[in-house]
Amino acid sequence: MTVWIYKIVRQHEWDEVQKTGIFTGSADDRRDGFIHLSTAGQLRTTFGKYFASEDNLLLVTLEAGPFGPALKWEPSRGGEDFPHLYGDLPSEFVHAVTPIHRGGDGRPSFPPEIP
């Protein structure tokens, strides 16, 4: 069974990935020592808590399997296990990159697999 995980990135962060082929994380990721990721069920809360006031955001979709032991599931918000990537994210591991648009009500529009 495929396990999908997600990363919200800023357009300027992804522009760097297009040049280098590697995402080394946001400033917050580098500060914490790992790349913060979310499951589909965690994504809306992550967006609301950390990105609600930002524009020019992208949703990066990843398959968990290829990361092997570099991907750890660790307790975070409310004790819930979140995926954390200890290492860089090579662009060849990216399944899809989708712009996050907002509806007329200002809420983000995510792909259908995001509840």
C-alpha atoms as a PDB file:
ATOM      1  CA  MET A   1       0.000   0.000   0.000  1.00  0.00           C
ATOM      2  CA  THR A   2       1.310   3.422  -0.954  1.00  0.00           C
ATOM      3  CA  VAL A   3       1.586   5.964   1.856  1.00  0.00           C
ATOM      4  CA  TRP A   4       1.402   9.545   0.610  1.00  0.00           C
ATOM      5  CA  ILE A   5       2.928  12.427   2.553  1.00  0.00           C
ATOM      6  CA  TYR A   6       2.945  16.132   1.805  1.00  0.00           C
ATOM      7  CA  LYS A   7       5.036  19.273   2.162  1.00  0.00           C
ATOM      8  CA  ILE A   8       3.772  22.827   1.815  1.00  0.00           C
ATOM      9  CA  VAL A   9       6.500  24.982   0.289  1.00  0.00           C
ATOM     10  CA  ARG A  10       6.782  28.586  -0.731  1.00  0.00           C
ATOM     11  CA  GLN A  11       7.238  29.274  -4.438  1.00  0.00           C
ATOM     12  CA  HIS A  12      10.683  30.843  -3.886  1.00  0.00           C
ATOM     13  CA  GLU A  13      11.813  27.717  -1.998  1.00  0.00           C
ATOM     14  CA  TRP A  14      10.683  25.520  -4.878  1.00  0.00           C
ATOM     15  CA  ASP A  15      12.401  27.794  -7.399  1.00  0.00           C
ATOM     16  CA  GLU A  16      15.686  26.795  -5.719  1.00  0.00           C
ATOM     17  CA  VAL A  17      14.794  23.111  -6.044  1.00  0.00           C
ATOM     18  CA  GLN A  18      14.304  23.628  -9.777  1.00  0.00           C
ATOM     19  CA  LYS A  19      17.909  24.880  -9.977  1.00  0.00           C
ATOM     20  CA  THR A  20      19.576  22.355  -7.663  1.00  0.00           C
ATOM     21  CA  GLY A  21      17.334  19.266  -7.747  1.00  0.00           C
ATOM     22  CA  ILE A  22      17.364  19.138  -3.926  1.00  0.00           C
ATOM     23  CA  PHE A  23      15.061  20.595  -1.273  1.00  0.00           C
ATOM     24  CA  THR A  24      17.101  21.186   1.868  1.00  0.00           C
ATOM     25  CA  GLY A  25      14.113  22.455   3.830  1.00  0.00           C
ATOM     26  CA  SER A  26      12.590  25.742   4.823  1.00  0.00           C
ATOM     27  CA  ALA A  27      14.226  27.970   7.419  1.00  0.00           C
ATOM     28  CA  ASP A  28      12.042  26.272  10.069  1.00  0.00           C
ATOM     29  CA  ASP A  29      13.055  22.816   8.838  1.00  0.00           C
ATOM     30  CA  ARG A  30      16.754  23.660   8.953  1.00  0.00           C
ATOM     31  CA  ARG A  31      16.336  25.135  12.444  1.00  0.00           C
ATOM     32  CA  ASP A  32      14.653  21.938  13.677  1.00  0.00           C
ATOM     33  CA  GLY A  33      17.070  19.557  11.936  1.00  0.00           C
ATOM     34  CA  PHE A  34      14.502  17.768   9.749  1.00  0.00           C
ATOM     35  CA  ILE A  35      11.957  18.479   7.015  1.00  0.00           C
ATOM     36  CA  HIS A  36       8.453  18.766   8.438  1.00  0.00           C
ATOM     37  CA  LEU A  37       5.904  16.751   6.461  1.00  0.00           C
ATOM     38  CA  SER A  38       2.212  15.954   6.929  1.00  0.00           C
ATOM     39  CA  THR A  39      -0.236  13.215   6.084  1.00  0.00           C
ATOM     40  CA  ALA A  40      -3.373  14.025   4.111  1.00  0.00           C
ATOM     41  CA  GLY A  41      -5.357  14.181   7.360  1.00  0.00           C
ATOM     42  CA  GLN A  42      -2.875  16.583   8.979  1.00  0.00           C
ATOM     43  CA  LEU A  43      -2.439  18.936   6.047  1.00  0.00           C
ATOM     44  CA  ARG A  44      -5.314  21.372   6.598  1.00  0.00           C
ATOM     45  CA  THR A  45      -4.301  21.951  10.214  1.00  0.00           C
ATOM     46  CA  THR A  46      -0.666  22.439   9.176  1.00  0.00           C
ATOM     47  CA  PHE A  47      -1.780  24.968   6.582  1.00  0.00           C
ATOM     48  CA  GLY A  48      -3.976  26.826   9.069  1.00  0.00           C
ATOM     49  CA  LYS A  49      -1.319  26.961  11.768  1.00  0.00           C
ATOM     50  CA  TYR A  50       1.743  27.869   9.700  1.00  0.00           C
ATOM     51  CA  PHE A  51       0.701  29.137   6.255  1.00  0.00           C
ATOM     52  CA  ALA A  52      -2.761  30.729   6.540  1.00  0.00           C
ATOM     53  CA  SER A  53      -1.523  34.262   5.921  1.00  0.00           C
ATOM     54  CA  GLU A  54       0.807  33.347   3.036  1.00  0.00           C
ATOM     55  CA  ASP A  55       0.317  33.233  -0.720  1.00  0.00           C
ATOM     56  CA  ASN A  56       2.375  31.650  -3.522  1.00  0.00           C
ATOM     57  CA  LEU A  57       2.340  28.237  -1.877  1.00  0.00           C
ATOM     58  CA  LEU A  58       2.743  24.813  -3.435  1.00  0.00           C
ATOM     59  CA  LEU A  59       1.736  21.362  -2.275  1.00  0.00           C
ATOM     60  CA  VAL A  60       4.442  18.752  -2.844  1.00  0.00           C
ATOM     61  CA  THR A  61       3.177  15.160  -2.896  1.00  0.00           C
ATOM     62  CA  LEU A  62       5.603  12.392  -1.972  1.00  0.00           C
ATOM     63  CA  GLU A  63       5.497   8.644  -1.563  1.00  0.00           C
ATOM     64  CA  ALA A  64       6.838   7.728   1.886  1.00  0.00           C
ATOM     65  CA  GLY A  65       8.508   4.442   0.913  1.00  0.00           C
ATOM     66  CA  PRO A  66      11.566   5.662  -1.020  1.00  0.00           C
ATOM     67  CA  PHE A  67      12.878   7.638   1.955  1.00  0.00           C
ATOM     68  CA  GLY A  68      13.577   4.496   3.985  1.00  0.00           C
ATOM     69  CA  PRO A  69      14.977   5.054   7.480  1.00  0.00           C
ATOM     70  CA  ALA A  70      15.528   8.786   6.856  1.00  0.00           C
ATOM     71  CA  LEU A  71      11.752   9.190   7.307  1.00  0.00           C
ATOM     72  CA  LYS A  72      10.723   8.938  10.937  1.00  0.00           C
ATOM     73  CA  TRP A  73       7.215   9.109  12.382  1.00  0.00           C
ATOM     74  CA  GLU A  74       7.441  11.160  15.555  1.00  0.00           C
ATOM     75  CA  PRO A  75       4.937  12.678  17.993  1.00  0.00           C
ATOM     76  CA  SER A  76       4.268  16.349  17.414  1.00  0.00           C
ATOM     77  CA  ARG A  77       1.111  18.482  17.608  1.00  0.00           C
ATOM     78  CA  GLY A  78      -1.219  16.934  20.178  1.00  0.00           C
ATOM     79  CA  GLY A  79       0.939  13.792  20.409  1.00  0.00           C
ATOM     80  CA  GLU A  80       0.002  12.750  16.860  1.00  0.00           C
ATOM     81  CA  ASP A  81       2.762  11.076  14.814  1.00  0.00           C
ATOM     82  CA  PHE A  82       4.005  13.243  11.949  1.00  0.00           C
ATOM     83  CA  PRO A  83       6.446  12.273   9.191  1.00  0.00           C
ATOM     84  CA  HIS A  84       9.836  13.954   9.580  1.00  0.00           C
ATOM     85  CA  LEU A  85      12.549  13.611   6.951  1.00  0.00           C
ATOM     86  CA  TYR A  86      16.076  13.599   8.336  1.00  0.00           C
ATOM     87  CA  GLY A  87      17.990  14.554   5.229  1.00  0.00           C
ATOM     88  CA  ASP A  88      17.474  16.356   1.969  1.00  0.00           C
ATOM     89  CA  LEU A  89      14.554  15.762  -0.350  1.00  0.00           C
ATOM     90  CA  PRO A  90      15.702  14.930  -3.899  1.00  0.00           C
ATOM     91  CA  SER A  91      13.346  16.246  -6.573  1.00  0.00           C
ATOM     92  CA  GLU A  92      13.176  12.807  -8.214  1.00  0.00           C
ATOM     93  CA  PHE A  93      11.197  11.607  -5.166  1.00  0.00           C
ATOM     94  CA  VAL A  94       8.447  14.148  -5.878  1.00  0.00           C
ATOM     95  CA  HIS A  95       5.241  12.673  -7.263  1.00  0.00           C
ATOM     96  CA  ALA A  96       3.453  15.991  -7.914  1.00  0.00           C
ATOM     97  CA  VAL A  97       3.670  19.721  -7.243  1.00  0.00           C
ATOM     98  CA  THR A  98       0.351  21.561  -7.156  1.00  0.00           C
ATOM     99  CA  PRO A  99      -0.289  25.280  -6.579  1.00  0.00           C
ATOM    100  CA  ILE A 100      -2.449  25.956  -3.540  1.00  0.00           C
ATOM    101  CA  HIS A 101      -5.193  28.291  -4.689  1.00  0.00           C
ATOM    102  CA  ARG A 102      -7.777  29.913  -2.459  1.00  0.00           C
ATOM    103  CA  GLY A 103     -11.506  29.891  -2.988  1.00  0.00           C
ATOM    104  CA  GLY A 104     -13.707  32.973  -2.784  1.00  0.00           C
ATOM    105  CA  ASP A 105     -13.920  32.414   0.965  1.00  0.00           C
ATOM    106  CA  GLY A 106     -10.114  32.509   1.292  1.00  0.00           C
ATOM    107  CA  ARG A 107      -9.842  28.836   2.207  1.00  0.00           C
ATOM    108  CA  PRO A 108      -7.208  26.728   0.454  1.00  0.00           C
ATOM    109  CA  SER A 109      -8.185  24.426  -2.362  1.00  0.00           C
ATOM    110  CA  PHE A 110      -6.427  21.060  -2.082  1.00  0.00           C
ATOM    111  CA  PRO A 111      -6.554  17.982  -4.324  1.00  0.00           C
ATOM    112  CA  PRO A 112      -9.477  15.589  -3.680  1.00  0.00           C
ATOM    113  CA  GLU A 113      -7.372  13.139  -1.649  1.00  0.00           C
ATOM    114  CA  ILE A 114      -6.964  15.750   1.097  1.00  0.00           C
ATOM    115  CA  PRO A 115      -9.951  15.458   3.490  1.00  0.00           C
END
